[in-house]
mmCIF file of all heavy atoms, coordinates in Angstrom:
data_MODEL
# 
_entry.id   MODEL 
# 
loop_
_atom_site.group_PDB 
_atom_site.id 
_atom_site.type_symbol 
_atom_site.label_atom_id 
_atom_site.label_alt_id 
_atom_site.label_comp_id 
_atom_site.label_asym_id 
_atom_site.label_entity_id 
_atom_site.label_seq_id 
_atom_site.pdbx_PDB_ins_code 
_atom_site.Cartn_x 
_atom_site.Cartn_y 
_atom_site.Cartn_z 
_atom_site.occupancy 
_atom_site.B_iso_or_equiv 
_atom_site.pdbx_formal_charge 
_atom_site.auth_seq_id 
_atom_site.auth_comp_id 
_atom_site.auth_asym_id 
_atom_site.auth_atom_id 
_atom_site.pdbx_PDB_model_num 
ATOM 1   N N   . ARG A 1 1  ? 88.984  94.281  102.348 1.00 0.00 ? 1  ARG A N   1 
ATOM 2   C CA  . ARG A 1 1  ? 89.905  93.162  102.082 1.00 0.00 ? 1  ARG A CA  1 
ATOM 3   C C   . ARG A 1 1  ? 91.159  93.654  101.377 1.00 0.00 ? 1  ARG A C   1 
ATOM 4   O O   . ARG A 1 1  ? 92.273  93.238  101.701 1.00 0.00 ? 1  ARG A O   1 
ATOM 5   C CB  . ARG A 1 1  ? 89.202  92.089  101.243 1.00 0.00 ? 1  ARG A CB  1 
ATOM 6   C CG  . ARG A 1 1  ? 88.100  91.357  101.996 1.00 0.00 ? 1  ARG A CG  1 
ATOM 7   C CD  . ARG A 1 1  ? 87.578  90.178  101.213 1.00 0.00 ? 1  ARG A CD  1 
ATOM 8   N NE  . ARG A 1 1  ? 86.871  90.562  100.008 1.00 0.00 ? 1  ARG A NE  1 
ATOM 9   C CZ  . ARG A 1 1  ? 85.569  90.860  99.956  1.00 0.00 ? 1  ARG A CZ  1 
ATOM 10  N NH1 . ARG A 1 1  ? 84.837  90.826  101.058 1.00 0.00 ? 1  ARG A NH1 1 
ATOM 11  N NH2 . ARG A 1 1  ? 84.998  91.185  98.806  1.00 0.00 ? 1  ARG A NH2 1 
ATOM 12  N N   . GLU A 1 2  ? 90.993  94.540  100.423 1.00 0.00 ? 2  GLU A N   1 
ATOM 13  C CA  . GLU A 1 2  ? 92.154  95.022  99.675  1.00 0.00 ? 2  GLU A CA  1 
ATOM 14  C C   . GLU A 1 2  ? 93.079  95.862  100.542 1.00 0.00 ? 2  GLU A C   1 
ATOM 15  O O   . GLU A 1 2  ? 94.298  95.821  100.395 1.00 0.00 ? 2  GLU A O   1 
ATOM 16  C CB  . GLU A 1 2  ? 91.707  95.825  98.457  1.00 0.00 ? 2  GLU A CB  1 
ATOM 17  C CG  . GLU A 1 2  ? 92.873  96.274  97.591  1.00 0.00 ? 2  GLU A CG  1 
ATOM 18  C CD  . GLU A 1 2  ? 92.412  96.798  96.250  1.00 0.00 ? 2  GLU A CD  1 
ATOM 19  O OE1 . GLU A 1 2  ? 91.985  97.958  96.207  1.00 0.00 ? 2  GLU A OE1 1 
ATOM 20  O OE2 . GLU A 1 2  ? 92.490  96.050  95.267  1.00 0.00 ? 2  GLU A OE2 1 
ATOM 21  N N   . SER A 1 3  ? 92.501  96.625  101.479 1.00 0.00 ? 3  SER A N   1 
ATOM 22  C CA  . SER A 1 3  ? 93.312  97.533  102.296 1.00 0.00 ? 3  SER A CA  1 
ATOM 23  C C   . SER A 1 3  ? 94.300  96.794  103.186 1.00 0.00 ? 3  SER A C   1 
ATOM 24  O O   . SER A 1 3  ? 95.260  97.395  103.666 1.00 0.00 ? 3  SER A O   1 
ATOM 25  C CB  . SER A 1 3  ? 92.408  98.423  103.155 1.00 0.00 ? 3  SER A CB  1 
ATOM 26  O OG  . SER A 1 3  ? 91.793  97.667  104.187 1.00 0.00 ? 3  SER A OG  1 
ATOM 27  N N   . VAL A 1 4  ? 94.072  95.507  103.421 1.00 0.00 ? 4  VAL A N   1 
ATOM 28  C CA  . VAL A 1 4  ? 94.976  94.745  104.269 1.00 0.00 ? 4  VAL A CA  1 
ATOM 29  C C   . VAL A 1 4  ? 95.746  93.696  103.467 1.00 0.00 ? 4  VAL A C   1 
ATOM 30  O O   . VAL A 1 4  ? 96.506  92.914  104.034 1.00 0.00 ? 4  VAL A O   1 
ATOM 31  C CB  . VAL A 1 4  ? 94.198  94.091  105.438 1.00 0.00 ? 4  VAL A CB  1 
ATOM 32  C CG1 . VAL A 1 4  ? 93.473  92.822  104.995 1.00 0.00 ? 4  VAL A CG1 1 
ATOM 33  C CG2 . VAL A 1 4  ? 95.091  93.805  106.632 1.00 0.00 ? 4  VAL A CG2 1 
ATOM 34  N N   . SER A 1 5  ? 95.575  93.697  102.139 1.00 0.00 ? 5  SER A N   1 
ATOM 35  C CA  . SER A 1 5  ? 96.346  92.761  101.325 1.00 0.00 ? 5  SER A CA  1 
ATOM 36  C C   . SER A 1 5  ? 97.831  93.096  101.426 1.00 0.00 ? 5  SER A C   1 
ATOM 37  O O   . SER A 1 5  ? 98.208  94.256  101.634 1.00 0.00 ? 5  SER A O   1 
ATOM 38  C CB  . SER A 1 5  ? 95.891  92.807  99.862  1.00 0.00 ? 5  SER A CB  1 
ATOM 39  O OG  . SER A 1 5  ? 96.339  93.997  99.242  1.00 0.00 ? 5  SER A OG  1 
ATOM 40  N N   . TYR A 1 6  ? 98.663  92.094  101.285 1.00 0.00 ? 6  TYR A N   1 
ATOM 41  C CA  . TYR A 1 6  ? 100.103 92.314  101.430 1.00 0.00 ? 6  TYR A CA  1 
ATOM 42  C C   . TYR A 1 6  ? 100.620 93.252  100.342 1.00 0.00 ? 6  TYR A C   1 
ATOM 43  O O   . TYR A 1 6  ? 101.488 94.088  100.590 1.00 0.00 ? 6  TYR A O   1 
ATOM 44  C CB  . TYR A 1 6  ? 100.836 90.973  101.379 1.00 0.00 ? 6  TYR A CB  1 
ATOM 45  C CG  . TYR A 1 6  ? 102.174 90.993  102.077 1.00 0.00 ? 6  TYR A CG  1 
ATOM 46  C CD1 . TYR A 1 6  ? 102.254 91.144  103.454 1.00 0.00 ? 6  TYR A CD1 1 
ATOM 47  C CD2 . TYR A 1 6  ? 103.355 90.849  101.367 1.00 0.00 ? 6  TYR A CD2 1 
ATOM 48  C CE1 . TYR A 1 6  ? 103.472 91.151  104.104 1.00 0.00 ? 6  TYR A CE1 1 
ATOM 49  C CE2 . TYR A 1 6  ? 104.584 90.851  102.007 1.00 0.00 ? 6  TYR A CE2 1 
ATOM 50  C CZ  . TYR A 1 6  ? 104.637 91.008  103.377 1.00 0.00 ? 6  TYR A CZ  1 
ATOM 51  O OH  . TYR A 1 6  ? 105.851 91.025  104.030 1.00 0.00 ? 6  TYR A OH  1 
ATOM 52  N N   . ALA A 1 7  ? 100.041 93.121  99.137  1.00 0.00 ? 7  ALA A N   1 
ATOM 53  C CA  . ALA A 1 7  ? 100.463 93.990  98.044  1.00 0.00 ? 7  ALA A CA  1 
ATOM 54  C C   . ALA A 1 7  ? 100.175 95.451  98.374  1.00 0.00 ? 7  ALA A C   1 
ATOM 55  O O   . ALA A 1 7  ? 101.017 96.328  98.170  1.00 0.00 ? 7  ALA A O   1 
ATOM 56  C CB  . ALA A 1 7  ? 99.751  93.584  96.756  1.00 0.00 ? 7  ALA A CB  1 
ATOM 57  N N   . VAL A 1 8  ? 98.973  95.724  98.909  1.00 0.00 ? 8  VAL A N   1 
ATOM 58  C CA  . VAL A 1 8  ? 98.612  97.108  99.216  1.00 0.00 ? 8  VAL A CA  1 
ATOM 59  C C   . VAL A 1 8  ? 99.387  97.633  100.414 1.00 0.00 ? 8  VAL A C   1 
ATOM 60  O O   . VAL A 1 8  ? 99.825  98.786  100.438 1.00 0.00 ? 8  VAL A O   1 
ATOM 61  C CB  . VAL A 1 8  ? 97.088  97.235  99.426  1.00 0.00 ? 8  VAL A CB  1 
ATOM 62  C CG1 . VAL A 1 8  ? 96.719  98.579  100.050 1.00 0.00 ? 8  VAL A CG1 1 
ATOM 63  C CG2 . VAL A 1 8  ? 96.367  97.079  98.086  1.00 0.00 ? 8  VAL A CG2 1 
ATOM 64  N N   . LEU A 1 9  ? 99.584  96.796  101.444 1.00 0.00 ? 9  LEU A N   1 
ATOM 65  C CA  . LEU A 1 9  ? 100.399 97.233  102.584 1.00 0.00 ? 9  LEU A CA  1 
ATOM 66  C C   . LEU A 1 9  ? 101.796 97.637  102.128 1.00 0.00 ? 9  LEU A C   1 
ATOM 67  O O   . LEU A 1 9  ? 102.372 98.605  102.631 1.00 0.00 ? 9  LEU A O   1 
ATOM 68  C CB  . LEU A 1 9  ? 100.504 96.121  103.628 1.00 0.00 ? 9  LEU A CB  1 
ATOM 69  C CG  . LEU A 1 9  ? 99.284  95.864  104.508 1.00 0.00 ? 9  LEU A CG  1 
ATOM 70  C CD1 . LEU A 1 9  ? 99.579  94.728  105.483 1.00 0.00 ? 9  LEU A CD1 1 
ATOM 71  C CD2 . LEU A 1 9  ? 98.864  97.109  105.266 1.00 0.00 ? 9  LEU A CD2 1 
ATOM 72  N N   . THR A 1 10 ? 102.338 96.895  101.180 1.00 0.00 ? 10 THR A N   1 
ATOM 73  C CA  . THR A 1 10 ? 103.665 97.223  100.649 1.00 0.00 ? 10 THR A CA  1 
ATOM 74  C C   . THR A 1 10 ? 103.617 98.535  99.876  1.00 0.00 ? 10 THR A C   1 
ATOM 75  O O   . THR A 1 10 ? 104.494 99.394  100.029 1.00 0.00 ? 10 THR A O   1 
ATOM 76  C CB  . THR A 1 10 ? 104.171 96.091  99.743  1.00 0.00 ? 10 THR A CB  1 
ATOM 77  O OG1 . THR A 1 10 ? 104.194 94.860  100.481 1.00 0.00 ? 10 THR A OG1 1 
ATOM 78  C CG2 . THR A 1 10 ? 105.581 96.379  99.246  1.00 0.00 ? 10 THR A CG2 1 
ATOM 79  N N   . LEU A 1 11 ? 102.578 98.706  99.064  1.00 0.00 ? 11 LEU A N   1 
ATOM 80  C CA  . LEU A 1 11 ? 102.447 99.941  98.297  1.00 0.00 ? 11 LEU A CA  1 
ATOM 81  C C   . LEU A 1 11 ? 102.238 101.150 99.209  1.00 0.00 ? 11 LEU A C   1 
ATOM 82  O O   . LEU A 1 11 ? 102.688 102.255 98.900  1.00 0.00 ? 11 LEU A O   1 
ATOM 83  C CB  . LEU A 1 11 ? 101.267 99.828  97.326  1.00 0.00 ? 11 LEU A CB  1 
ATOM 84  C CG  . LEU A 1 11 ? 101.493 98.959  96.093  1.00 0.00 ? 11 LEU A CG  1 
ATOM 85  C CD1 . LEU A 1 11 ? 100.174 98.712  95.383  1.00 0.00 ? 11 LEU A CD1 1 
ATOM 86  C CD2 . LEU A 1 11 ? 102.490 99.621  95.146  1.00 0.00 ? 11 LEU A CD2 1 
ATOM 87  N N   . MET A 1 12 ? 101.554 100.951 100.330 1.00 0.00 ? 12 MET A N   1 
ATOM 88  C CA  . MET A 1 12 ? 101.296 102.077 101.228 1.00 0.00 ? 12 MET A CA  1 
ATOM 89  C C   . MET A 1 12 ? 102.570 102.634 101.849 1.00 0.00 ? 12 MET A C   1 
ATOM 90  O O   . MET A 1 12 ? 102.564 103.739 102.399 1.00 0.00 ? 12 MET A O   1 
ATOM 91  C CB  . MET A 1 12 ? 100.300 101.677 102.319 1.00 0.00 ? 12 MET A CB  1 
ATOM 92  C CG  . MET A 1 12 ? 98.861  101.682 101.831 1.00 0.00 ? 12 MET A CG  1 
ATOM 93  S SD  . MET A 1 12 ? 97.656  101.795 103.185 1.00 0.00 ? 12 MET A SD  1 
ATOM 94  C CE  . MET A 1 12 ? 97.739  100.152 103.859 1.00 0.00 ? 12 MET A CE  1 
ATOM 95  N N   . GLU A 1 13 ? 103.654 101.883 101.777 1.00 0.00 ? 13 GLU A N   1 
ATOM 96  C CA  . GLU A 1 13 ? 104.921 102.413 102.263 1.00 0.00 ? 13 GLU A CA  1 
ATOM 97  C C   . GLU A 1 13 ? 105.357 103.636 101.460 1.00 0.00 ? 13 GLU A C   1 
ATOM 98  O O   . GLU A 1 13 ? 106.160 104.434 101.921 1.00 0.00 ? 13 GLU A O   1 
ATOM 99  C CB  . GLU A 1 13 ? 106.007 101.329 102.183 1.00 0.00 ? 13 GLU A CB  1 
ATOM 100 C CG  . GLU A 1 13 ? 105.864 100.240 103.227 1.00 0.00 ? 13 GLU A CG  1 
ATOM 101 C CD  . GLU A 1 13 ? 105.996 100.787 104.630 1.00 0.00 ? 13 GLU A CD  1 
ATOM 102 O OE1 . GLU A 1 13 ? 107.022 101.428 104.927 1.00 0.00 ? 13 GLU A OE1 1 
ATOM 103 O OE2 . GLU A 1 13 ? 105.071 100.591 105.430 1.00 0.00 ? 13 GLU A OE2 1 
ATOM 104 N N   . ARG A 1 14 ? 104.813 103.788 100.252 1.00 0.00 ? 14 ARG A N   1 
ATOM 105 C CA  . ARG A 1 14 ? 105.162 104.944 99.413  1.00 0.00 ? 14 ARG A CA  1 
ATOM 106 C C   . ARG A 1 14 ? 104.390 106.204 99.831  1.00 0.00 ? 14 ARG A C   1 
ATOM 107 O O   . ARG A 1 14 ? 104.726 107.301 99.400  1.00 0.00 ? 14 ARG A O   1 
ATOM 108 C CB  . ARG A 1 14 ? 104.843 104.645 97.947  1.00 0.00 ? 14 ARG A CB  1 
ATOM 109 C CG  . ARG A 1 14 ? 105.500 103.402 97.383  1.00 0.00 ? 14 ARG A CG  1 
ATOM 110 C CD  . ARG A 1 14 ? 105.037 103.187 95.951  1.00 0.00 ? 14 ARG A CD  1 
ATOM 111 N NE  . ARG A 1 14 ? 105.551 101.945 95.382  1.00 0.00 ? 14 ARG A NE  1 
ATOM 112 C CZ  . ARG A 1 14 ? 105.263 101.515 94.157  1.00 0.00 ? 14 ARG A CZ  1 
ATOM 113 N NH1 . ARG A 1 14 ? 104.476 102.237 93.382  1.00 0.00 ? 14 ARG A NH1 1 
ATOM 114 N NH2 . ARG A 1 14 ? 105.758 100.375 93.711  1.00 0.00 ? 14 ARG A NH2 1 
ATOM 115 N N   . LEU A 1 15 ? 103.331 106.020 100.598 1.00 0.00 ? 15 LEU A N   1 
ATOM 116 C CA  . LEU A 1 15 ? 102.486 107.154 100.973 1.00 0.00 ? 15 LEU A CA  1 
ATOM 117 C C   . LEU A 1 15 ? 103.085 107.906 102.146 1.00 0.00 ? 15 LEU A C   1 
ATOM 118 O O   . LEU A 1 15 ? 103.806 107.355 102.968 1.00 0.00 ? 15 LEU A O   1 
ATOM 119 C CB  . LEU A 1 15 ? 101.085 106.665 101.349 1.00 0.00 ? 15 LEU A CB  1 
ATOM 120 C CG  . LEU A 1 15 ? 100.315 105.834 100.325 1.00 0.00 ? 15 LEU A CG  1 
ATOM 121 C CD1 . LEU A 1 15 ? 98.938  105.475 100.873 1.00 0.00 ? 15 LEU A CD1 1 
ATOM 122 C CD2 . LEU A 1 15 ? 100.199 106.566 98.996  1.00 0.00 ? 15 LEU A CD2 1 
ATOM 123 N N   . SER A 1 16 ? 102.747 109.186 102.243 1.00 0.00 ? 16 SER A N   1 
ATOM 124 C CA  . SER A 1 16 ? 103.123 109.958 103.423 1.00 0.00 ? 16 SER A CA  1 
ATOM 125 C C   . SER A 1 16 ? 102.274 109.464 104.598 1.00 0.00 ? 16 SER A C   1 
ATOM 126 O O   . SER A 1 16 ? 101.226 108.837 104.400 1.00 0.00 ? 16 SER A O   1 
ATOM 127 C CB  . SER A 1 16 ? 102.856 111.446 103.192 1.00 0.00 ? 16 SER A CB  1 
ATOM 128 O OG  . SER A 1 16 ? 101.464 111.695 103.164 1.00 0.00 ? 16 SER A OG  1 
ATOM 129 N N   . PRO A 1 17 ? 102.700 109.737 105.842 1.00 0.00 ? 17 PRO A N   1 
ATOM 130 C CA  . PRO A 1 17 ? 101.881 109.310 106.989 1.00 0.00 ? 17 PRO A CA  1 
ATOM 131 C C   . PRO A 1 17 ? 100.440 109.800 106.909 1.00 0.00 ? 17 PRO A C   1 
ATOM 132 O O   . PRO A 1 17 ? 99.510  109.036 107.179 1.00 0.00 ? 17 PRO A O   1 
ATOM 133 C CB  . PRO A 1 17 ? 102.632 109.914 108.178 1.00 0.00 ? 17 PRO A CB  1 
ATOM 134 C CG  . PRO A 1 17 ? 104.074 109.920 107.750 1.00 0.00 ? 17 PRO A CG  1 
ATOM 135 C CD  . PRO A 1 17 ? 104.005 110.273 106.283 1.00 0.00 ? 17 PRO A CD  1 
ATOM 136 N N   . ASN A 1 18 ? 100.220 111.057 106.532 1.00 0.00 ? 18 ASN A N   1 
ATOM 137 C CA  . ASN A 1 18 ? 98.852  111.570 106.429 1.00 0.00 ? 18 ASN A CA  1 
ATOM 138 C C   . ASN A 1 18 ? 98.059  110.862 105.341 1.00 0.00 ? 18 ASN A C   1 
ATOM 139 O O   . ASN A 1 18 ? 96.879  110.550 105.510 1.00 0.00 ? 18 ASN A O   1 
ATOM 140 C CB  . ASN A 1 18 ? 98.858  113.077 106.173 1.00 0.00 ? 18 ASN A CB  1 
ATOM 141 C CG  . ASN A 1 18 ? 98.672  113.883 107.444 1.00 0.00 ? 18 ASN A CG  1 
ATOM 142 O OD1 . ASN A 1 18 ? 98.867  113.369 108.546 1.00 0.00 ? 18 ASN A OD1 1 
ATOM 143 N ND2 . ASN A 1 18 ? 98.294  115.135 107.305 1.00 0.00 ? 18 ASN A ND2 1 
ATOM 144 N N   . GLU A 1 19 ? 98.703  110.606 104.195 1.00 0.00 ? 19 GLU A N   1 
ATOM 145 C CA  . GLU A 1 19 ? 98.019  109.891 103.113 1.00 0.00 ? 19 GLU A CA  1 
ATOM 146 C C   . GLU A 1 19 ? 97.627  108.494 103.569 1.00 0.00 ? 19 GLU A C   1 
ATOM 147 O O   . GLU A 1 19 ? 96.522  108.022 103.290 1.00 0.00 ? 19 GLU A O   1 
ATOM 148 C CB  . GLU A 1 19 ? 98.930  109.800 101.886 1.00 0.00 ? 19 GLU A CB  1 
ATOM 149 C CG  . GLU A 1 19 ? 99.092  111.098 101.122 1.00 0.00 ? 19 GLU A CG  1 
ATOM 150 C CD  . GLU A 1 19 ? 100.098 110.997 100.003 1.00 0.00 ? 19 GLU A CD  1 
ATOM 151 O OE1 . GLU A 1 19 ? 101.006 110.132 100.081 1.00 0.00 ? 19 GLU A OE1 1 
ATOM 152 O OE2 . GLU A 1 19 ? 99.985  111.790 99.042  1.00 0.00 ? 19 GLU A OE2 1 
ATOM 153 N N   . ARG A 1 20 ? 98.515  107.860 104.276 1.00 0.00 ? 20 ARG A N   1 
ATOM 154 C CA  . ARG A 1 20 ? 98.231  106.500 104.751 1.00 0.00 ? 20 ARG A CA  1 
ATOM 155 C C   . ARG A 1 20 ? 97.066  106.507 105.737 1.00 0.00 ? 20 ARG A C   1 
ATOM 156 O O   . ARG A 1 20 ? 96.184  105.647 105.677 1.00 0.00 ? 20 ARG A O   1 
ATOM 157 C CB  . ARG A 1 20 ? 99.490  105.913 105.393 1.00 0.00 ? 20 ARG A CB  1 
ATOM 158 C CG  . ARG A 1 20 ? 99.398  104.433 105.692 1.00 0.00 ? 20 ARG A CG  1 
ATOM 159 C CD  . ARG A 1 20 ? 100.777 103.844 105.887 1.00 0.00 ? 20 ARG A CD  1 
ATOM 160 N NE  . ARG A 1 20 ? 100.704 102.415 106.142 1.00 0.00 ? 20 ARG A NE  1 
ATOM 161 C CZ  . ARG A 1 20 ? 101.708 101.576 105.977 1.00 0.00 ? 20 ARG A CZ  1 
ATOM 162 N NH1 . ARG A 1 20 ? 102.869 102.029 105.540 1.00 0.00 ? 20 ARG A NH1 1 
ATOM 163 N NH2 . ARG A 1 20 ? 101.569 100.282 106.223 1.00 0.00 ? 20 ARG A NH2 1 
ATOM 164 N N   . ALA A 1 21 ? 97.065  107.464 106.651 1.00 0.00 ? 21 ALA A N   1 
ATOM 165 C CA  . ALA A 1 21 ? 95.999  107.547 107.650 1.00 0.00 ? 21 ALA A CA  1 
ATOM 166 C C   . ALA A 1 21 ? 94.645  107.803 106.991 1.00 0.00 ? 21 ALA A C   1 
ATOM 167 O O   . ALA A 1 21 ? 93.652  107.145 107.324 1.00 0.00 ? 21 ALA A O   1 
ATOM 168 C CB  . ALA A 1 21 ? 96.321  108.630 108.660 1.00 0.00 ? 21 ALA A CB  1 
ATOM 169 N N   . VAL A 1 22 ? 94.593  108.749 106.079 1.00 0.00 ? 22 VAL A N   1 
ATOM 170 C CA  . VAL A 1 22 ? 93.328  109.056 105.412 1.00 0.00 ? 22 VAL A CA  1 
ATOM 171 C C   . VAL A 1 22 ? 92.851  107.844 104.616 1.00 0.00 ? 22 VAL A C   1 
ATOM 172 O O   . VAL A 1 22 ? 91.666  107.481 104.656 1.00 0.00 ? 22 VAL A O   1 
ATOM 173 C CB  . VAL A 1 22 ? 93.472  110.284 104.490 1.00 0.00 ? 22 VAL A CB  1 
ATOM 174 C CG1 . VAL A 1 22 ? 92.211  110.472 103.645 1.00 0.00 ? 22 VAL A CG1 1 
ATOM 175 C CG2 . VAL A 1 22 ? 93.746  111.538 105.307 1.00 0.00 ? 22 VAL A CG2 1 
ATOM 176 N N   . TYR A 1 23 ? 93.755  107.206 103.895 1.00 0.00 ? 23 TYR A N   1 
ATOM 177 C CA  . TYR A 1 23 ? 93.389  106.043 103.082 1.00 0.00 ? 23 TYR A CA  1 
ATOM 178 C C   . TYR A 1 23 ? 92.813  104.928 103.949 1.00 0.00 ? 23 TYR A C   1 
ATOM 179 O O   . TYR A 1 23 ? 91.760  104.354 103.638 1.00 0.00 ? 23 TYR A O   1 
ATOM 180 C CB  . TYR A 1 23 ? 94.608  105.540 102.309 1.00 0.00 ? 23 TYR A CB  1 
ATOM 181 C CG  . TYR A 1 23 ? 94.328  104.336 101.445 1.00 0.00 ? 23 TYR A CG  1 
ATOM 182 C CD1 . TYR A 1 23 ? 93.779  104.485 100.177 1.00 0.00 ? 23 TYR A CD1 1 
ATOM 183 C CD2 . TYR A 1 23 ? 94.595  103.049 101.899 1.00 0.00 ? 23 TYR A CD2 1 
ATOM 184 C CE1 . TYR A 1 23 ? 93.511  103.380 99.373  1.00 0.00 ? 23 TYR A CE1 1 
ATOM 185 C CE2 . TYR A 1 23 ? 94.321  101.937 101.110 1.00 0.00 ? 23 TYR A CE2 1 
ATOM 186 C CZ  . TYR A 1 23 ? 93.780  102.120 99.852  1.00 0.00 ? 23 TYR A CZ  1 
ATOM 187 O OH  . TYR A 1 23 ? 93.497  101.023 99.072  1.00 0.00 ? 23 TYR A OH  1 
ATOM 188 N N   . VAL A 1 24 ? 93.479  104.614 105.041 1.00 0.00 ? 24 VAL A N   1 
ATOM 189 C CA  . VAL A 1 24 ? 93.034  103.525 105.911 1.00 0.00 ? 24 VAL A CA  1 
ATOM 190 C C   . VAL A 1 24 ? 91.696  103.859 106.562 1.00 0.00 ? 24 VAL A C   1 
ATOM 191 O O   . VAL A 1 24 ? 90.767  103.038 106.568 1.00 0.00 ? 24 VAL A O   1 
ATOM 192 C CB  . VAL A 1 24 ? 94.099  103.214 106.979 1.00 0.00 ? 24 VAL A CB  1 
ATOM 193 C CG1 . VAL A 1 24 ? 93.537  102.319 108.083 1.00 0.00 ? 24 VAL A CG1 1 
ATOM 194 C CG2 . VAL A 1 24 ? 95.317  102.553 106.337 1.00 0.00 ? 24 VAL A CG2 1 
ATOM 195 N N   . LEU A 1 25 ? 91.569  105.037 107.128 1.00 0.00 ? 25 LEU A N   1 
ATOM 196 C CA  . LEU A 1 25 ? 90.344  105.390 107.848 1.00 0.00 ? 25 LEU A CA  1 
ATOM 197 C C   . LEU A 1 25 ? 89.141  105.466 106.913 1.00 0.00 ? 25 LEU A C   1 
ATOM 198 O O   . LEU A 1 25 ? 88.024  105.079 107.284 1.00 0.00 ? 25 LEU A O   1 
ATOM 199 C CB  . LEU A 1 25 ? 90.528  106.717 108.582 1.00 0.00 ? 25 LEU A CB  1 
ATOM 200 C CG  . LEU A 1 25 ? 91.508  106.683 109.766 1.00 0.00 ? 25 LEU A CG  1 
ATOM 201 C CD1 . LEU A 1 25 ? 91.729  108.091 110.311 1.00 0.00 ? 25 LEU A CD1 1 
ATOM 202 C CD2 . LEU A 1 25 ? 91.013  105.757 110.872 1.00 0.00 ? 25 LEU A CD2 1 
ATOM 203 N N   . ARG A 1 26 ? 89.361  105.934 105.705 1.00 0.00 ? 26 ARG A N   1 
ATOM 204 C CA  . ARG A 1 26 ? 88.253  106.067 104.762 1.00 0.00 ? 26 ARG A CA  1 
ATOM 205 C C   . ARG A 1 26 ? 87.965  104.750 104.043 1.00 0.00 ? 26 ARG A C   1 
ATOM 206 O O   . ARG A 1 26 ? 86.820  104.297 103.993 1.00 0.00 ? 26 ARG A O   1 
ATOM 207 C CB  . ARG A 1 26 ? 88.572  107.157 103.736 1.00 0.00 ? 26 ARG A CB  1 
ATOM 208 C CG  . ARG A 1 26 ? 87.486  107.384 102.701 1.00 0.00 ? 26 ARG A CG  1 
ATOM 209 C CD  . ARG A 1 26 ? 86.220  107.883 103.336 1.00 0.00 ? 26 ARG A CD  1 
ATOM 210 N NE  . ARG A 1 26 ? 85.146  108.013 102.347 1.00 0.00 ? 26 ARG A NE  1 
ATOM 211 C CZ  . ARG A 1 26 ? 83.860  108.048 102.662 1.00 0.00 ? 26 ARG A CZ  1 
ATOM 212 N NH1 . ARG A 1 26 ? 83.484  107.971 103.933 1.00 0.00 ? 26 ARG A NH1 1 
ATOM 213 N NH2 . ARG A 1 26 ? 82.940  108.167 101.727 1.00 0.00 ? 26 ARG A NH2 1 
ATOM 214 N N   . GLU A 1 27 ? 88.989  104.124 103.488 1.00 0.00 ? 27 GLU A N   1 
ATOM 215 C CA  . GLU A 1 27 ? 88.803  102.949 102.633 1.00 0.00 ? 27 GLU A CA  1 
ATOM 216 C C   . GLU A 1 27 ? 88.422  101.714 103.439 1.00 0.00 ? 27 GLU A C   1 
ATOM 217 O O   . GLU A 1 27 ? 87.537  100.950 103.040 1.00 0.00 ? 27 GLU A O   1 
ATOM 218 C CB  . GLU A 1 27 ? 90.089  102.684 101.835 1.00 0.00 ? 27 GLU A CB  1 
ATOM 219 C CG  . GLU A 1 27 ? 89.967  101.615 100.764 1.00 0.00 ? 27 GLU A CG  1 
ATOM 220 C CD  . GLU A 1 27 ? 89.326  102.153 99.484  1.00 0.00 ? 27 GLU A CD  1 
ATOM 221 O OE1 . GLU A 1 27 ? 88.695  103.225 99.509  1.00 0.00 ? 27 GLU A OE1 1 
ATOM 222 O OE2 . GLU A 1 27 ? 89.464  101.469 98.452  1.00 0.00 ? 27 GLU A OE2 1 
ATOM 223 N N   . ALA A 1 28 ? 89.094  101.506 104.581 1.00 0.00 ? 28 ALA A N   1 
ATOM 224 C CA  . ALA A 1 28 ? 88.887  100.271 105.335 1.00 0.00 ? 28 ALA A CA  1 
ATOM 225 C C   . ALA A 1 28 ? 87.845  100.399 106.430 1.00 0.00 ? 28 ALA A C   1 
ATOM 226 O O   . ALA A 1 28 ? 87.195  99.414  106.786 1.00 0.00 ? 28 ALA A O   1 
ATOM 227 C CB  . ALA A 1 28 ? 90.212  99.801  105.939 1.00 0.00 ? 28 ALA A CB  1 
ATOM 228 N N   . PHE A 1 29 ? 87.685  101.616 106.977 1.00 0.00 ? 29 PHE A N   1 
ATOM 229 C CA  . PHE A 1 29 ? 86.803  101.762 108.131 1.00 0.00 ? 29 PHE A CA  1 
ATOM 230 C C   . PHE A 1 29 ? 85.670  102.767 107.897 1.00 0.00 ? 29 PHE A C   1 
ATOM 231 O O   . PHE A 1 29 ? 84.905  103.054 108.815 1.00 0.00 ? 29 PHE A O   1 
ATOM 232 C CB  . PHE A 1 29 ? 87.617  102.130 109.373 1.00 0.00 ? 29 PHE A CB  1 
ATOM 233 C CG  . PHE A 1 29 ? 88.555  101.019 109.767 1.00 0.00 ? 29 PHE A CG  1 
ATOM 234 C CD1 . PHE A 1 29 ? 89.860  100.984 109.288 1.00 0.00 ? 29 PHE A CD1 1 
ATOM 235 C CD2 . PHE A 1 29 ? 88.127  99.983  110.584 1.00 0.00 ? 29 PHE A CD2 1 
ATOM 236 C CE1 . PHE A 1 29 ? 90.717  99.948  109.618 1.00 0.00 ? 29 PHE A CE1 1 
ATOM 237 C CE2 . PHE A 1 29 ? 88.972  98.947  110.917 1.00 0.00 ? 29 PHE A CE2 1 
ATOM 238 C CZ  . PHE A 1 29 ? 90.275  98.926  110.444 1.00 0.00 ? 29 PHE A CZ  1 
ATOM 239 N N   . ASP A 1 30 ? 85.589  103.288 106.672 1.00 0.00 ? 30 ASP A N   1 
ATOM 240 C CA  . ASP A 1 30 ? 84.450  104.086 106.224 1.00 0.00 ? 30 ASP A CA  1 
ATOM 241 C C   . ASP A 1 30 ? 84.175  105.304 107.104 1.00 0.00 ? 30 ASP A C   1 
ATOM 242 O O   . ASP A 1 30 ? 83.028  105.705 107.293 1.00 0.00 ? 30 ASP A O   1 
ATOM 243 C CB  . ASP A 1 30 ? 83.196  103.200 106.154 1.00 0.00 ? 30 ASP A CB  1 
ATOM 244 C CG  . ASP A 1 30 ? 82.147  103.772 105.202 1.00 0.00 ? 30 ASP A CG  1 
ATOM 245 O OD1 . ASP A 1 30 ? 82.544  104.456 104.246 1.00 0.00 ? 30 ASP A OD1 1 
ATOM 246 O OD2 . ASP A 1 30 ? 80.951  103.547 105.438 1.00 0.00 ? 30 ASP A OD2 1 
# 
């Protein structure tokens, strides 16, 4: 739920593409 919150989506703009991919695949999709 948090990984798709608007606040977190906005914060993820600060991450590099690789950081964003790892975060999403691990945190949201395990």
